[in-house]
PDB file of N, CA and C in Angstrom:
ATOM      1  N   MET A   1      13.801  13.245   6.903  1.00  0.00           N
ATOM      2  CA  MET A   1      12.368  13.259   7.028  1.00  0.00           C
ATOM      3  C   MET A   1      11.940  13.271   8.502  1.00  0.00           C
ATOM      4  N   GLY A   2      12.439  12.313   9.277  1.00  0.00           N
ATOM      5  CA  GLY A   2      12.197  12.396  10.724  1.00  0.00           C
ATOM      6  C   GLY A   2      10.921  11.793  11.205  1.00  0.00           C
ATOM      7  N   GLN A   3      10.007  11.367  10.322  1.00  0.00           N
ATOM      8  CA  GLN A   3       8.770  10.761  10.717  1.00  0.00           C
ATOM      9  C   GLN A   3       8.640   9.389  10.050  1.00  0.00           C
ATOM     10  N   ASP A   4       7.917   8.483  10.755  1.00  0.00           N
ATOM     11  CA  ASP A   4       7.735   7.145  10.184  1.00  0.00           C
ATOM     12  C   ASP A   4       6.600   7.110   9.172  1.00  0.00           C
ATOM     13  N   LEU A   5       5.706   8.097   9.219  1.00  0.00           N
ATOM     14  CA  LEU A   5       4.549   8.120   8.328  1.00  0.00           C
ATOM     15  C   LEU A   5       4.203   9.560   7.979  1.00  0.00           C
ATOM     16  N   ASN A   6       4.022   9.786   6.686  1.00  0.00           N
ATOM     17  CA  ASN A   6       3.533  11.074   6.217  1.00  0.00           C
ATOM     18  C   ASN A   6       2.213  10.831   5.453  1.00  0.00           C
ATOM     19  N   VAL A   7       1.176  11.530   5.825  1.00  0.00           N
ATOM     20  CA  VAL A   7      -0.144  11.310   5.252  1.00  0.00           C
ATOM     21  C   VAL A   7      -0.645  12.588   4.569  1.00  0.00           C
ATOM     22  N   GLY A   8      -1.177  12.419   3.380  1.00  0.00           N
ATOM     23  CA  GLY A   8      -1.733  13.554   2.676  1.00  0.00           C
ATOM     24  C   GLY A   8      -3.219  13.382   2.360  1.00  0.00           C
ATOM     25  N   SER A   9      -3.732  12.147   2.390  1.00  0.00           N
ATOM     26  CA  SER A   9      -5.125  11.887   2.078  1.00  0.00           C
ATOM     27  C   SER A   9      -5.480  10.450   2.469  1.00  0.00           C
ATOM     28  N   TRP A  10      -6.756  10.124   2.299  1.00  0.00           N
ATOM     29  CA  TRP A  10      -7.212   8.747   2.489  1.00  0.00           C
ATOM     30  C   TRP A  10      -7.948   8.295   1.266  1.00  0.00           C
ATOM     31  N   VAL A  11      -8.045   6.984   1.097  1.00  0.00           N
ATOM     32  CA  VAL A  11      -8.729   6.436  -0.094  1.00  0.00           C
ATOM     33  C   VAL A  11      -9.535   5.211   0.294  1.00  0.00           C
ATOM     34  N   ILE A  12     -10.507   4.865  -0.515  1.00  0.00           N
ATOM     35  CA  ILE A  12     -11.226   3.596  -0.426  1.00  0.00           C
ATOM     36  C   ILE A  12     -10.863   2.798  -1.666  1.00  0.00           C
ATOM     37  N   VAL A  13     -10.412   1.612  -1.482  1.00  0.00           N
ATOM     38  CA  VAL A  13     -10.018   0.754  -2.602  1.00  0.00           C
ATOM     39  C   VAL A  13     -11.076  -0.343  -2.746  1.00  0.00           C
ATOM     40  N   ARG A  14     -11.661  -0.398  -3.917  1.00  0.00           N
ATOM     41  CA  ARG A  14     -12.705  -1.396  -4.198  1.00  0.00           C
ATOM     42  C   ARG A  14     -12.166  -2.409  -5.208  1.00  0.00           C
ATOM     43  N   HIS A  15     -12.881  -3.565  -5.234  1.00  0.00           N
ATOM     44  CA  HIS A  15     -12.528  -4.625  -6.168  1.00  0.00           C
ATOM     45  C   HIS A  15     -12.477  -4.068  -7.575  1.00  0.00           C
ATOM     46  N   GLY A  16     -11.447  -4.434  -8.288  1.00  0.00           N
ATOM     47  CA  GLY A  16     -11.289  -3.978  -9.669  1.00  0.00           C
ATOM     48  C   GLY A  16     -10.385  -2.746  -9.815  1.00  0.00           C
ATOM     49  N   CYS A  17      -9.998  -2.139  -8.720  1.00  0.00           N
ATOM     50  CA  CYS A  17      -9.115  -0.980  -8.752  1.00  0.00           C
ATOM     51  C   CYS A  17      -7.778  -1.365  -9.330  1.00  0.00           C
ATOM     52  N   PRO A  18      -7.302  -0.658 -10.332  1.00  0.00           N
ATOM     53  CA  PRO A  18      -5.981  -0.959 -10.878  1.00  0.00           C
ATOM     54  C   PRO A  18      -4.892  -0.779  -9.815  1.00  0.00           C
ATOM     55  N   ILE A  19      -3.977  -1.691  -9.744  1.00  0.00           N
ATOM     56  CA  ILE A  19      -2.840  -1.612  -8.797  1.00  0.00           C
ATOM     57  C   ILE A  19      -1.565  -1.859  -9.579  1.00  0.00           C
ATOM     58  N   ALA A  20      -0.649  -0.924  -9.515  1.00  0.00           N
ATOM     59  CA  ALA A  20       0.653  -1.062 -10.213  1.00  0.00           C
ATOM     60  C   ALA A  20       1.769  -0.756  -9.242  1.00  0.00           C
ATOM     61  N   TYR A  21       2.942  -1.243  -9.556  1.00  0.00           N
ATOM     62  CA  TYR A  21       4.097  -0.979  -8.696  1.00  0.00           C
ATOM     63  C   TYR A  21       5.343  -0.801  -9.550  1.00  0.00           C
ATOM     64  N   CYS A  22       6.340  -0.156  -8.951  1.00  0.00           N
ATOM     65  CA  CYS A  22       7.673  -0.075  -9.543  1.00  0.00           C
ATOM     66  C   CYS A  22       8.677   0.025  -8.444  1.00  0.00           C
ATOM     67  N   PHE A  23       9.915  -0.296  -8.761  1.00  0.00           N
ATOM     68  CA  PHE A  23      10.989  -0.198  -7.778  1.00  0.00           C
ATOM     69  C   PHE A  23      11.692   1.130  -7.943  1.00  0.00           C
ATOM     70  N   ASN A  24      12.038   1.697  -6.833  1.00  0.00           N
ATOM     71  CA  ASN A  24      12.767   2.988  -6.861  1.00  0.00           C
ATOM     72  C   ASN A  24      13.891   2.879  -5.842  1.00  0.00           C
ATOM     73  N   GLY A  25      14.982   2.328  -6.258  1.00  0.00           N
ATOM     74  CA  GLY A  25      16.098   2.111  -5.351  1.00  0.00           C
ATOM     75  C   GLY A  25      15.729   1.162  -4.232  1.00  0.00           C
ATOM     76  N   GLU A  26      15.757   1.642  -2.993  1.00  0.00           N
ATOM     77  CA  GLU A  26      15.464   0.826  -1.823  1.00  0.00           C
ATOM     78  C   GLU A  26      13.992   0.858  -1.422  1.00  0.00           C
ATOM     79  N   GLU A  27      13.183   1.464  -2.292  1.00  0.00           N
ATOM     80  CA  GLU A  27      11.737   1.586  -1.987  1.00  0.00           C
ATOM     81  C   GLU A  27      10.887   0.991  -3.099  1.00  0.00           C
ATOM     82  N   VAL A  28       9.657   0.694  -2.749  1.00  0.00           N
ATOM     83  CA  VAL A  28       8.700   0.186  -3.743  1.00  0.00           C
ATOM     84  C   VAL A  28       7.541   1.160  -3.801  1.00  0.00           C
ATOM     85  N   GLU A  29       7.212   1.616  -5.004  1.00  0.00           N
ATOM     86  CA  GLU A  29       6.114   2.572  -5.199  1.00  0.00           C
ATOM     87  C   GLU A  29       4.925   1.829  -5.713  1.00  0.00           C
ATOM     88  N   PHE A  30       3.740   2.022  -5.089  1.00  0.00           N
ATOM     89  CA  PHE A  30       2.493   1.450  -5.538  1.00  0.00           C
ATOM     90  C   PHE A  30       1.577   2.589  -5.999  1.00  0.00           C
ATOM     91  N   ARG A  31       0.886   2.368  -7.109  1.00  0.00           N
ATOM     92  CA  ARG A  31      -0.172   3.294  -7.560  1.00  0.00           C
ATOM     93  C   ARG A  31      -1.497   2.524  -7.533  1.00  0.00           C
ATOM     94  N   LEU A  32      -2.472   3.103  -6.824  1.00  0.00           N
ATOM     95  CA  LEU A  32      -3.806   2.563  -6.816  1.00  0.00           C
ATOM     96  C   LEU A  32      -4.647   3.509  -7.673  1.00  0.00           C
ATOM     97  N   GLY A  33      -5.319   3.004  -8.703  1.00  0.00           N
ATOM     98  CA  GLY A  33      -6.081   3.836  -9.612  1.00  0.00           C
ATOM     99  C   GLY A  33      -5.191   4.231 -10.799  1.00  0.00           C
ATOM    100  N   SER A  34      -5.659   5.268 -11.489  1.00  0.00           N
ATOM    101  CA  SER A  34      -4.933   5.690 -12.693  1.00  0.00           C
ATOM    102  C   SER A  34      -4.062   6.893 -12.385  1.00  0.00           C
ATOM    103  N   ARG A  35      -3.295   7.277 -13.362  1.00  0.00           N
ATOM    104  CA  ARG A  35      -2.449   8.484 -13.228  1.00  0.00           C
ATOM    105  C   ARG A  35      -3.265   9.736 -12.996  1.00  0.00           C
ATOM    106  N   GLN A  36      -4.468   9.767 -13.535  1.00  0.00           N
ATOM    107  CA  GLN A  36      -5.320  10.952 -13.426  1.00  0.00           C
ATOM    108  C   GLN A  36      -6.014  11.033 -12.078  1.00  0.00           C
ATOM    109  N   ASP A  37      -6.441   9.878 -11.537  1.00  0.00           N
ATOM    110  CA  ASP A  37      -7.231   9.936 -10.307  1.00  0.00           C
ATOM    111  C   ASP A  37      -6.735   8.943  -9.264  1.00  0.00           C
ATOM    112  N   GLY A  38      -5.507   8.570  -9.299  1.00  0.00           N
ATOM    113  CA  GLY A  38      -4.972   7.598  -8.377  1.00  0.00           C
ATOM    114  C   GLY A  38      -4.259   8.190  -7.195  1.00  0.00           C
ATOM    115  N   VAL A  39      -3.737   7.291  -6.366  1.00  0.00           N
ATOM    116  CA  VAL A  39      -2.922   7.700  -5.227  1.00  0.00           C
ATOM    117  C   VAL A  39      -1.719   6.781  -5.216  1.00  0.00           C
ATOM    118  N   ASP A  40      -0.586   7.336  -4.789  1.00  0.00           N
ATOM    119  CA  ASP A  40       0.676   6.591  -4.716  1.00  0.00           C
ATOM    120  C   ASP A  40       1.060   6.323  -3.266  1.00  0.00           C
ATOM    121  N   PHE A  41       1.568   5.125  -3.024  1.00  0.00           N
ATOM    122  CA  PHE A  41       2.186   4.744  -1.728  1.00  0.00           C
ATOM    123  C   PHE A  41       3.618   4.392  -1.982  1.00  0.00           C
ATOM    124  N   VAL A  42       4.499   4.803  -1.105  1.00  0.00           N
ATOM    125  CA  VAL A  42       5.899   4.446  -1.197  1.00  0.00           C
ATOM    126  C   VAL A  42       6.301   3.729   0.100  1.00  0.00           C
ATOM    127  N   PHE A  43       6.795   2.509  -0.020  1.00  0.00           N
ATOM    128  CA  PHE A  43       7.192   1.723   1.131  1.00  0.00           C
ATOM    129  C   PHE A  43       8.694   1.452   1.130  1.00  0.00           C
ATOM    130  N   GLU A  44       9.324   1.550   2.240  1.00  0.00           N
ATOM    131  CA  GLU A  44      10.635   0.944   2.444  1.00  0.00           C
ATOM    132  C   GLU A  44      10.359  -0.564   2.504  1.00  0.00           C
ATOM    133  N   VAL A  45      11.355  -1.371   2.151  1.00  0.00           N
ATOM    134  CA  VAL A  45      11.148  -2.824   2.090  1.00  0.00           C
ATOM    135  C   VAL A  45      10.690  -3.394   3.418  1.00  0.00           C
ATOM    136  N   ALA A  46      11.293  -2.996   4.524  1.00  0.00           N
ATOM    137  CA  ALA A  46      10.892  -3.512   5.840  1.00  0.00           C
ATOM    138  C   ALA A  46       9.490  -3.119   6.174  1.00  0.00           C
ATOM    139  N   ALA A  47       9.096  -1.900   5.864  1.00  0.00           N
ATOM    140  CA  ALA A  47       7.746  -1.465   6.113  1.00  0.00           C
ATOM    141  C   ALA A  47       6.742  -2.241   5.235  1.00  0.00           C
ATOM    142  N   LEU A  48       7.110  -2.505   4.010  1.00  0.00           N
ATOM    143  CA  LEU A  48       6.237  -3.297   3.128  1.00  0.00           C
ATOM    144  C   LEU A  48       6.054  -4.699   3.690  1.00  0.00           C
ATOM    145  N   ALA A  49       7.126  -5.312   4.197  1.00  0.00           N
ATOM    146  CA  ALA A  49       7.025  -6.660   4.793  1.00  0.00           C
ATOM    147  C   ALA A  49       6.060  -6.643   5.996  1.00  0.00           C
ATOM    148  N   ALA A  50       6.155  -5.597   6.802  1.00  0.00           N
ATOM    149  CA  ALA A  50       5.231  -5.477   7.963  1.00  0.00           C
ATOM    150  C   ALA A  50       3.800  -5.298   7.514  1.00  0.00           C
ATOM    151  N   PHE A  51       3.596  -4.508   6.450  1.00  0.00           N
ATOM    152  CA  PHE A  51       2.256  -4.306   5.893  1.00  0.00           C
ATOM    153  C   PHE A  51       1.686  -5.577   5.352  1.00  0.00           C
ATOM    154  N   VAL A  52       2.492  -6.360   4.636  1.00  0.00           N
ATOM    155  CA  VAL A  52       2.048  -7.629   4.075  1.00  0.00           C
ATOM    156  C   VAL A  52       1.680  -8.607   5.196  1.00  0.00           C
ATOM    157  N   GLU A  53       2.521  -8.664   6.222  1.00  0.00           N
ATOM    158  CA  GLU A  53       2.269  -9.552   7.371  1.00  0.00           C
ATOM    159  C   GLU A  53       0.913  -9.204   8.035  1.00  0.00           C
ATOM    160  N   THR A  54       0.711  -7.916   8.250  1.00  0.00           N
ATOM    161  CA  THR A  54      -0.547  -7.485   8.869  1.00  0.00           C
ATOM    162  C   THR A  54      -1.728  -7.793   7.950  1.00  0.00           C
ATOM    163  N   SER A  55      -1.542  -7.569   6.631  1.00  0.00           N
ATOM    164  CA  SER A  55      -2.590  -7.856   5.686  1.00  0.00           C
ATOM    165  C   SER A  55      -2.978  -9.359   5.727  1.00  0.00           C
ATOM    166  N   GLN A  56      -1.963 -10.224   5.844  1.00  0.00           N
ATOM    167  CA  GLN A  56      -2.251 -11.636   5.889  1.00  0.00           C
ATOM    168  C   GLN A  56      -3.035 -12.001   7.151  1.00  0.00           C
ATOM    169  N   GLU A  57      -2.734 -11.335   8.274  1.00  0.00           N
ATOM    170  CA  GLU A  57      -3.465 -11.558   9.508  1.00  0.00           C
ATOM    171  C   GLU A  57      -4.932 -11.129   9.317  1.00  0.00           C
ATOM    172  N   VAL A  58      -5.158  -9.998   8.676  1.00  0.00           N
ATOM    173  CA  VAL A  58      -6.497  -9.497   8.454  1.00  0.00           C
ATOM    174  C   VAL A  58      -7.285 -10.475   7.560  1.00  0.00           C
ATOM    175  N   LEU A  59      -6.667 -10.957   6.466  1.00  0.00           N
ATOM    176  CA  LEU A  59      -7.339 -11.918   5.570  1.00  0.00           C
ATOM    177  C   LEU A  59      -7.673 -13.205   6.299  1.00  0.00           C
ATOM    178  N   ALA A  60      -6.772 -13.678   7.149  1.00  0.00           N
ATOM    179  CA  ALA A  60      -7.027 -14.886   7.922  1.00  0.00           C
ATOM    180  C   ALA A  60      -8.248 -14.686   8.853  1.00  0.00           C
ATOM    181  N   GLU A  61      -8.275 -13.526   9.509  1.00  0.00           N
ATOM    182  CA  GLU A  61      -9.369 -13.228  10.426  1.00  0.00           C
ATOM    183  C   GLU A  61     -10.728 -13.142   9.643  1.00  0.00           C
ATOM    184  N   LEU A  62     -10.681 -12.501   8.489  1.00  0.00           N
ATOM    185  CA  LEU A  62     -11.903 -12.388   7.660  1.00  0.00           C
ATOM    186  C   LEU A  62     -12.365 -13.753   7.211  1.00  0.00           C
ATOM    187  N   THR A  63     -11.443 -14.647   6.895  1.00  0.00           N
ATOM    188  CA  THR A  63     -11.762 -15.975   6.430  1.00  0.00           C
ATOM    189  C   THR A  63     -12.437 -16.798   7.537  1.00  0.00           C
ATOM    190  N   ARG A  64     -11.963 -16.601   8.772  1.00  0.00           N
ATOM    191  CA  ARG A  64     -12.568 -17.296   9.937  1.00  0.00           C
ATOM    192  C   ARG A  64     -13.957 -16.790  10.278  1.00  0.00           C
ATOM    193  N   ALA A  65     -14.228 -15.533   9.945  1.00  0.00           N
ATOM    194  CA  ALA A  65     -15.525 -14.947  10.324  1.00  0.00           C
ATOM    195  C   ALA A  65     -16.686 -15.467   9.521  1.00  0.00           C
TER     196      ALA A  65
END
């Protein structure tokens, strides 16, 4: 692949959006929304850990605000 990130679209995720996941070997696949109108994200484990860490920082900042 040669790139750290491949982007095909952007989405807005609102409260109540269905979120599902499954394991695919060394990666974790997330689906936001339904099969008909959703979007999929695929993370390597280390990238998912970095995303979760950043997400926790964002939530902490929002809580302080």
